[in-house]
Amino acid sequence: MKILHKVTKQVLWENDKDNLQRADLQGVDLKGADLQWVDLRWADLQEADLQEANLRGAYLWGANLQGASFQEAE
């Protein structure tokens, strides 16, 4: 799975798995990421930069969001 920037389409993160359930994204720079409808259940997003990210419909149940940055995320 690739996470792309919502405007530039630059690859921000890439993994060989089909979903991101329980993914370790701790501290990952996902600024401007397109995460619409992505399954992030139980993912570790602690200290991740999600500024300006598109989180519409994303599944965040049980995700660790401690210290994550969400300024201007939608």
PDB file of N, CA and C in Angstrom:
ATOM      1  N   MET A   1       0.843  -1.174   0.000  1.00  0.00           N
ATOM      2  CA  MET A   1       0.000   0.000   0.000  1.00  0.00           C
ATOM      3  C   MET A   1       0.882   1.228   0.000  1.00  0.00           C
ATOM      4  N   LYS A   2       0.481   2.209  -0.777  1.00  0.00           N
ATOM      5  CA  LYS A   2       1.185   3.478  -0.826  1.00  0.00           C
ATOM      6  C   LYS A   2       0.289   4.570  -0.265  1.00  0.00           C
ATOM      7  N   ILE A   3       0.880   5.463   0.490  1.00  0.00           N
ATOM      8  CA  ILE A   3       0.177   6.665   0.935  1.00  0.00           C
ATOM      9  C   ILE A   3       0.763   7.813   0.127  1.00  0.00           C
ATOM     10  N   LEU A   4      -0.122   8.499  -0.600  1.00  0.00           N
ATOM     11  CA  LEU A   4       0.296   9.581  -1.470  1.00  0.00           C
ATOM     12  C   LEU A   4      -0.096  10.930  -0.904  1.00  0.00           C
ATOM     13  N   HIS A   5       0.675  11.953  -1.244  1.00  0.00           N
ATOM     14  CA  HIS A   5       0.310  13.325  -0.912  1.00  0.00           C
ATOM     15  C   HIS A   5      -0.931  13.668  -1.726  1.00  0.00           C
ATOM     16  N   LYS A   6      -1.900  14.322  -1.106  1.00  0.00           N
ATOM     17  CA  LYS A   6      -3.184  14.559  -1.783  1.00  0.00           C
ATOM     18  C   LYS A   6      -3.085  15.536  -2.941  1.00  0.00           C
ATOM     19  N   VAL A   7      -2.058  16.363  -3.005  1.00  0.00           N
ATOM     20  CA  VAL A   7      -1.912  17.325  -4.095  1.00  0.00           C
ATOM     21  C   VAL A   7      -0.806  16.903  -5.067  1.00  0.00           C
ATOM     22  N   THR A   8       0.380  16.651  -4.544  1.00  0.00           N
ATOM     23  CA  THR A   8       1.533  16.367  -5.402  1.00  0.00           C
ATOM     24  C   THR A   8       1.603  14.916  -5.856  1.00  0.00           C
ATOM     25  N   LYS A   9       0.874  14.021  -5.180  1.00  0.00           N
ATOM     26  CA  LYS A   9       0.872  12.576  -5.447  1.00  0.00           C
ATOM     27  C   LYS A   9       2.227  11.913  -5.158  1.00  0.00           C
ATOM     28  N   GLN A  10       3.100  12.626  -4.453  1.00  0.00           N
ATOM     29  CA  GLN A  10       4.375  12.061  -4.021  1.00  0.00           C
ATOM     30  C   GLN A  10       4.108  10.932  -3.028  1.00  0.00           C
ATOM     31  N   VAL A  11       4.876   9.839  -3.099  1.00  0.00           N
ATOM     32  CA  VAL A  11       4.739   8.726  -2.162  1.00  0.00           C
ATOM     33  C   VAL A  11       5.313   9.167  -0.813  1.00  0.00           C
ATOM     34  N   LEU A  12       4.448   9.165   0.237  1.00  0.00           N
ATOM     35  CA  LEU A  12       4.874   9.553   1.576  1.00  0.00           C
ATOM     36  C   LEU A  12       5.260   8.346   2.410  1.00  0.00           C
ATOM     37  N   TRP A  13       4.648   7.206   2.126  1.00  0.00           N
ATOM     38  CA  TRP A  13       4.909   5.975   2.888  1.00  0.00           C
ATOM     39  C   TRP A  13       4.490   4.806   2.033  1.00  0.00           C
ATOM     40  N   GLU A  14       5.226   3.720   2.117  1.00  0.00           N
ATOM     41  CA  GLU A  14       4.903   2.555   1.297  1.00  0.00           C
ATOM     42  C   GLU A  14       5.162   1.285   2.099  1.00  0.00           C
ATOM     43  N   ASN A  15       4.276   0.298   1.906  1.00  0.00           N
ATOM     44  CA  ASN A  15       4.368  -0.975   2.594  1.00  0.00           C
ATOM     45  C   ASN A  15       3.830  -2.042   1.649  1.00  0.00           C
ATOM     46  N   ASP A  16       4.242  -3.285   1.828  1.00  0.00           N
ATOM     47  CA  ASP A  16       3.780  -4.350   0.942  1.00  0.00           C
ATOM     48  C   ASP A  16       2.455  -4.974   1.375  1.00  0.00           C
ATOM     49  N   LYS A  17       1.842  -4.447   2.444  1.00  0.00           N
ATOM     50  CA  LYS A  17       0.559  -4.973   2.915  1.00  0.00           C
ATOM     51  C   LYS A  17      -0.599  -4.253   2.231  1.00  0.00           C
ATOM     52  N   ASP A  18      -1.769  -4.922   2.183  1.00  0.00           N
ATOM     53  CA  ASP A  18      -2.944  -4.353   1.544  1.00  0.00           C
ATOM     54  C   ASP A  18      -3.695  -3.347   2.403  1.00  0.00           C
ATOM     55  N   ASN A  19      -3.545  -3.430   3.706  1.00  0.00           N
ATOM     56  CA  ASN A  19      -4.242  -2.482   4.569  1.00  0.00           C
ATOM     57  C   ASN A  19      -3.289  -1.992   5.653  1.00  0.00           C
ATOM     58  N   LEU A  20      -3.756  -1.052   6.416  1.00  0.00           N
ATOM     59  CA  LEU A  20      -2.901  -0.455   7.442  1.00  0.00           C
ATOM     60  C   LEU A  20      -3.394  -0.752   8.856  1.00  0.00           C
ATOM     61  N   GLN A  21      -4.203  -1.798   9.014  1.00  0.00           N
ATOM     62  CA  GLN A  21      -4.588  -2.191  10.361  1.00  0.00           C
ATOM     63  C   GLN A  21      -3.323  -2.552  11.132  1.00  0.00           C
ATOM     64  N   ARG A  22      -3.206  -2.017  12.333  1.00  0.00           N
ATOM     65  CA  ARG A  22      -2.068  -2.283  13.222  1.00  0.00           C
ATOM     66  C   ARG A  22      -0.710  -1.852  12.646  1.00  0.00           C
ATOM     67  N   ALA A  23      -0.707  -0.990  11.631  1.00  0.00           N
ATOM     68  CA  ALA A  23       0.551  -0.519  11.045  1.00  0.00           C
ATOM     69  C   ALA A  23       1.310   0.355  12.033  1.00  0.00           C
ATOM     70  N   ASP A  24       2.628   0.278  11.986  1.00  0.00           N
ATOM     71  CA  ASP A  24       3.482   1.118  12.814  1.00  0.00           C
ATOM     72  C   ASP A  24       3.841   2.358  12.013  1.00  0.00           C
ATOM     73  N   LEU A  25       3.112   3.429  12.253  1.00  0.00           N
ATOM     74  CA  LEU A  25       3.334   4.704  11.587  1.00  0.00           C
ATOM     75  C   LEU A  25       3.785   5.754  12.595  1.00  0.00           C
ATOM     76  N   GLN A  26       4.360   5.301  13.680  1.00  0.00           N
ATOM     77  CA  GLN A  26       4.784   6.197  14.750  1.00  0.00           C
ATOM     78  C   GLN A  26       5.812   7.192  14.220  1.00  0.00           C
ATOM     79  N   GLY A  27       5.494   8.473  14.358  1.00  0.00           N
ATOM     80  CA  GLY A  27       6.403   9.544  13.970  1.00  0.00           C
ATOM     81  C   GLY A  27       6.539   9.772  12.477  1.00  0.00           C
ATOM     82  N   VAL A  28       5.740   9.088  11.660  1.00  0.00           N
ATOM     83  CA  VAL A  28       5.852   9.217  10.206  1.00  0.00           C
ATOM     84  C   VAL A  28       5.288  10.571   9.752  1.00  0.00           C
ATOM     85  N   ASP A  29       5.964  11.198   8.796  1.00  0.00           N
ATOM     86  CA  ASP A  29       5.516  12.464   8.229  1.00  0.00           C
ATOM     87  C   ASP A  29       4.484  12.178   7.144  1.00  0.00           C
ATOM     88  N   LEU A  30       3.214  12.352   7.481  1.00  0.00           N
ATOM     89  CA  LEU A  30       2.105  12.122   6.549  1.00  0.00           C
ATOM     90  C   LEU A  30       1.400  13.434   6.218  1.00  0.00           C
ATOM     91  N   LYS A  31       2.133  14.525   6.305  1.00  0.00           N
ATOM     92  CA  LYS A  31       1.558  15.842   6.029  1.00  0.00           C
ATOM     93  C   LYS A  31       0.997  15.869   4.607  1.00  0.00           C
ATOM     94  N   GLY A  32      -0.284  16.204   4.503  1.00  0.00           N
ATOM     95  CA  GLY A  32      -0.960  16.286   3.213  1.00  0.00           C
ATOM     96  C   GLY A  32      -1.342  14.936   2.626  1.00  0.00           C
ATOM     97  N   ALA A  33      -1.266  13.864   3.414  1.00  0.00           N
ATOM     98  CA  ALA A  33      -1.555  12.517   2.901  1.00  0.00           C
ATOM     99  C   ALA A  33      -3.030  12.342   2.553  1.00  0.00           C
ATOM    100  N   ASP A  34      -3.286  11.538   1.534  1.00  0.00           N
ATOM    101  CA  ASP A  34      -4.652  11.172   1.173  1.00  0.00           C
ATOM    102  C   ASP A  34      -4.968   9.836   1.846  1.00  0.00           C
ATOM    103  N   LEU A  35      -5.646   9.894   2.977  1.00  0.00           N
ATOM    104  CA  LEU A  35      -5.998   8.702   3.758  1.00  0.00           C
ATOM    105  C   LEU A  35      -7.500   8.444   3.737  1.00  0.00           C
ATOM    106  N   GLN A  36      -8.187   8.992   2.756  1.00  0.00           N
ATOM    107  CA  GLN A  36      -9.630   8.821   2.654  1.00  0.00           C
ATOM    108  C   GLN A  36      -9.981   7.346   2.551  1.00  0.00           C
ATOM    109  N   TRP A  37     -10.846   6.893   3.447  1.00  0.00           N
ATOM    110  CA  TRP A  37     -11.362   5.527   3.536  1.00  0.00           C
ATOM    111  C   TRP A  37     -10.291   4.474   3.865  1.00  0.00           C
ATOM    112  N   VAL A  38      -9.117   4.890   4.311  1.00  0.00           N
ATOM    113  CA  VAL A  38      -8.059   3.939   4.668  1.00  0.00           C
ATOM    114  C   VAL A  38      -8.368   3.314   6.028  1.00  0.00           C
ATOM    115  N   ASP A  39      -8.143   2.011   6.149  1.00  0.00           N
ATOM    116  CA  ASP A  39      -8.381   1.287   7.397  1.00  0.00           C
ATOM    117  C   ASP A  39      -7.147   1.395   8.276  1.00  0.00           C
ATOM    118  N   LEU A  40      -7.221   2.243   9.302  1.00  0.00           N
ATOM    119  CA  LEU A  40      -6.121   2.481  10.235  1.00  0.00           C
ATOM    120  C   LEU A  40      -6.452   1.974  11.634  1.00  0.00           C
ATOM    121  N   ARG A  41      -7.386   1.006  11.712  1.00  0.00           N
ATOM    122  CA  ARG A  41      -7.744   0.480  13.032  1.00  0.00           C
ATOM    123  C   ARG A  41      -6.518  -0.081  13.727  1.00  0.00           C
ATOM    124  N   TRP A  42      -6.353   0.312  14.972  1.00  0.00           N
ATOM    125  CA  TRP A  42      -5.270  -0.139  15.849  1.00  0.00           C
ATOM    126  C   TRP A  42      -3.881   0.250  15.348  1.00  0.00           C
ATOM    127  N   ALA A  43      -3.799   1.157  14.393  1.00  0.00           N
ATOM    128  CA  ALA A  43      -2.493   1.618  13.899  1.00  0.00           C
ATOM    129  C   ALA A  43      -1.836   2.505  14.949  1.00  0.00           C
ATOM    130  N   ASP A  44      -0.522   2.502  14.974  1.00  0.00           N
ATOM    131  CA  ASP A  44       0.233   3.373  15.876  1.00  0.00           C
ATOM    132  C   ASP A  44       0.620   4.626  15.110  1.00  0.00           C
ATOM    133  N   LEU A  45      -0.119   5.698  15.354  1.00  0.00           N
ATOM    134  CA  LEU A  45       0.131   6.991  14.724  1.00  0.00           C
ATOM    135  C   LEU A  45       0.689   7.993  15.733  1.00  0.00           C
ATOM    136  N   GLN A  46       1.223   7.486  16.814  1.00  0.00           N
ATOM    137  CA  GLN A  46       1.769   8.352  17.862  1.00  0.00           C
ATOM    138  C   GLN A  46       2.832   9.268  17.269  1.00  0.00           C
ATOM    139  N   GLU A  47       2.689  10.574  17.535  1.00  0.00           N
ATOM    140  CA  GLU A  47       3.624  11.608  17.082  1.00  0.00           C
ATOM    141  C   GLU A  47       3.682  11.746  15.551  1.00  0.00           C
ATOM    142  N   ALA A  48       2.742  11.154  14.820  1.00  0.00           N
ATOM    143  CA  ALA A  48       2.725  11.287  13.356  1.00  0.00           C
ATOM    144  C   ALA A  48       2.274  12.692  12.963  1.00  0.00           C
ATOM    145  N   ASP A  49       2.781  13.179  11.855  1.00  0.00           N
ATOM    146  CA  ASP A  49       2.385  14.482  11.327  1.00  0.00           C
ATOM    147  C   ASP A  49       1.287  14.262  10.287  1.00  0.00           C
ATOM    148  N   LEU A  50       0.046  14.570  10.681  1.00  0.00           N
ATOM    149  CA  LEU A  50      -1.113  14.412   9.800  1.00  0.00           C
ATOM    150  C   LEU A  50      -1.694  15.766   9.401  1.00  0.00           C
ATOM    151  N   GLN A  51      -0.884  16.804   9.477  1.00  0.00           N
ATOM    152  CA  GLN A  51      -1.351  18.133   9.102  1.00  0.00           C
ATOM    153  C   GLN A  51      -1.801  18.123   7.643  1.00  0.00           C
ATOM    154  N   GLU A  52      -2.924  18.751   7.388  1.00  0.00           N
ATOM    155  CA  GLU A  52      -3.495  18.898   6.048  1.00  0.00           C
ATOM    156  C   GLU A  52      -3.853  17.554   5.391  1.00  0.00           C
ATOM    157  N   ALA A  53      -3.882  16.473   6.166  1.00  0.00           N
ATOM    158  CA  ALA A  53      -4.223  15.159   5.614  1.00  0.00           C
ATOM    159  C   ALA A  53      -5.726  15.052   5.355  1.00  0.00           C
ATOM    160  N   ASN A  54      -6.093  14.248   4.375  1.00  0.00           N
ATOM    161  CA  ASN A  54      -7.487  13.950   4.083  1.00  0.00           C
ATOM    162  C   ASN A  54      -7.833  12.660   4.829  1.00  0.00           C
ATOM    163  N   LEU A  55      -8.590  12.780   5.902  1.00  0.00           N
ATOM    164  CA  LEU A  55      -8.983  11.643   6.733  1.00  0.00           C
ATOM    165  C   LEU A  55     -10.461  11.322   6.605  1.00  0.00           C
ATOM    166  N   ARG A  56     -11.119  11.828   5.587  1.00  0.00           N
ATOM    167  CA  ARG A  56     -12.558  11.585   5.416  1.00  0.00           C
ATOM    168  C   ARG A  56     -12.834  10.097   5.287  1.00  0.00           C
ATOM    169  N   GLY A  57     -13.657   9.582   6.173  1.00  0.00           N
ATOM    170  CA  GLY A  57     -14.059   8.191   6.121  1.00  0.00           C
ATOM    171  C   GLY A  57     -12.992   7.206   6.591  1.00  0.00           C
ATOM    172  N   ALA A  58     -11.838   7.696   7.046  1.00  0.00           N
ATOM    173  CA  ALA A  58     -10.777   6.799   7.518  1.00  0.00           C
ATOM    174  C   ALA A  58     -11.241   6.080   8.784  1.00  0.00           C
ATOM    175  N   TYR A  59     -10.887   4.819   8.915  1.00  0.00           N
ATOM    176  CA  TYR A  59     -11.237   4.015  10.083  1.00  0.00           C
ATOM    177  C   TYR A  59     -10.123   4.147  11.101  1.00  0.00           C
ATOM    178  N   LEU A  60     -10.380   4.892  12.183  1.00  0.00           N
ATOM    179  CA  LEU A  60      -9.363   5.182  13.192  1.00  0.00           C
ATOM    180  C   LEU A  60      -9.661   4.535  14.538  1.00  0.00           C
ATOM    181  N   TRP A  61     -10.624   3.629  14.586  1.00  0.00           N
ATOM    182  CA  TRP A  61     -11.020   3.020  15.849  1.00  0.00           C
ATOM    183  C   TRP A  61      -9.824   2.294  16.473  1.00  0.00           C
ATOM    184  N   GLY A  62      -9.516   2.629  17.709  1.00  0.00           N
ATOM    185  CA  GLY A  62      -8.445   1.974  18.449  1.00  0.00           C
ATOM    186  C   GLY A  62      -7.053   2.446  18.085  1.00  0.00           C
ATOM    187  N   ALA A  63      -6.925   3.373  17.137  1.00  0.00           N
ATOM    188  CA  ALA A  63      -5.609   3.864  16.733  1.00  0.00           C
ATOM    189  C   ALA A  63      -4.983   4.689  17.853  1.00  0.00           C
ATOM    190  N   ASN A  64      -3.676   4.601  17.994  1.00  0.00           N
ATOM    191  CA  ASN A  64      -2.947   5.416  18.962  1.00  0.00           C
ATOM    192  C   ASN A  64      -2.629   6.741  18.290  1.00  0.00           C
ATOM    193  N   LEU A  65      -3.312   7.797  18.716  1.00  0.00           N
ATOM    194  CA  LEU A  65      -3.156   9.124  18.132  1.00  0.00           C
ATOM    195  C   LEU A  65      -2.449  10.085  19.081  1.00  0.00           C
ATOM    196  N   GLN A  66      -1.851   9.550  20.126  1.00  0.00           N
ATOM    197  CA  GLN A  66      -1.198  10.380  21.141  1.00  0.00           C
ATOM    198  C   GLN A  66      -0.096  11.220  20.498  1.00  0.00           C
ATOM    199  N   GLY A  67      -0.199  12.519  20.658  1.00  0.00           N
ATOM    200  CA  GLY A  67       0.817  13.438  20.168  1.00  0.00           C
ATOM    201  C   GLY A  67       0.803  13.671  18.665  1.00  0.00           C
ATOM    202  N   ALA A  68      -0.159  13.080  17.951  1.00  0.00           N
ATOM    203  CA  ALA A  68      -0.248  13.294  16.502  1.00  0.00           C
ATOM    204  C   ALA A  68      -0.706  14.723  16.213  1.00  0.00           C
ATOM    205  N   SER A  69      -0.273  15.251  15.106  1.00  0.00           N
ATOM    206  CA  SER A  69      -0.589  16.625  14.716  1.00  0.00           C
ATOM    207  C   SER A  69      -1.645  16.605  13.611  1.00  0.00           C
ATOM    208  N   PHE A  70      -2.758  17.322  13.850  1.00  0.00           N
ATOM    209  CA  PHE A  70      -3.897  17.311  12.910  1.00  0.00           C
ATOM    210  C   PHE A  70      -4.271  18.692  12.379  1.00  0.00           C
ATOM    211  N   GLN A  71      -3.401  19.683  12.470  1.00  0.00           N
ATOM    212  CA  GLN A  71      -3.755  21.031  12.022  1.00  0.00           C
ATOM    213  C   GLN A  71      -4.172  21.002  10.559  1.00  0.00           C
ATOM    214  N   GLU A  72      -5.326  21.592  10.302  1.00  0.00           N
ATOM    215  CA  GLU A  72      -5.911  21.734   8.977  1.00  0.00           C
ATOM    216  C   GLU A  72      -6.197  20.404   8.276  1.00  0.00           C
ATOM    217  N   ALA A  73      -6.255  19.305   9.043  1.00  0.00           N
ATOM    218  CA  ALA A  73      -6.653  18.020   8.452  1.00  0.00           C
ATOM    219  C   ALA A  73      -8.151  18.070   8.179  1.00  0.00           C
ATOM    220  N   GLU A  74      -8.576  17.330   7.177  1.00  0.00           N
ATOM    221  CA  GLU A  74     -10.006  17.288   6.848  1.00  0.00           C
ATOM    222  C   GLU A  74     -10.525  15.888   6.971  1.00  0.00           C
TER     223      GLU A  74
END
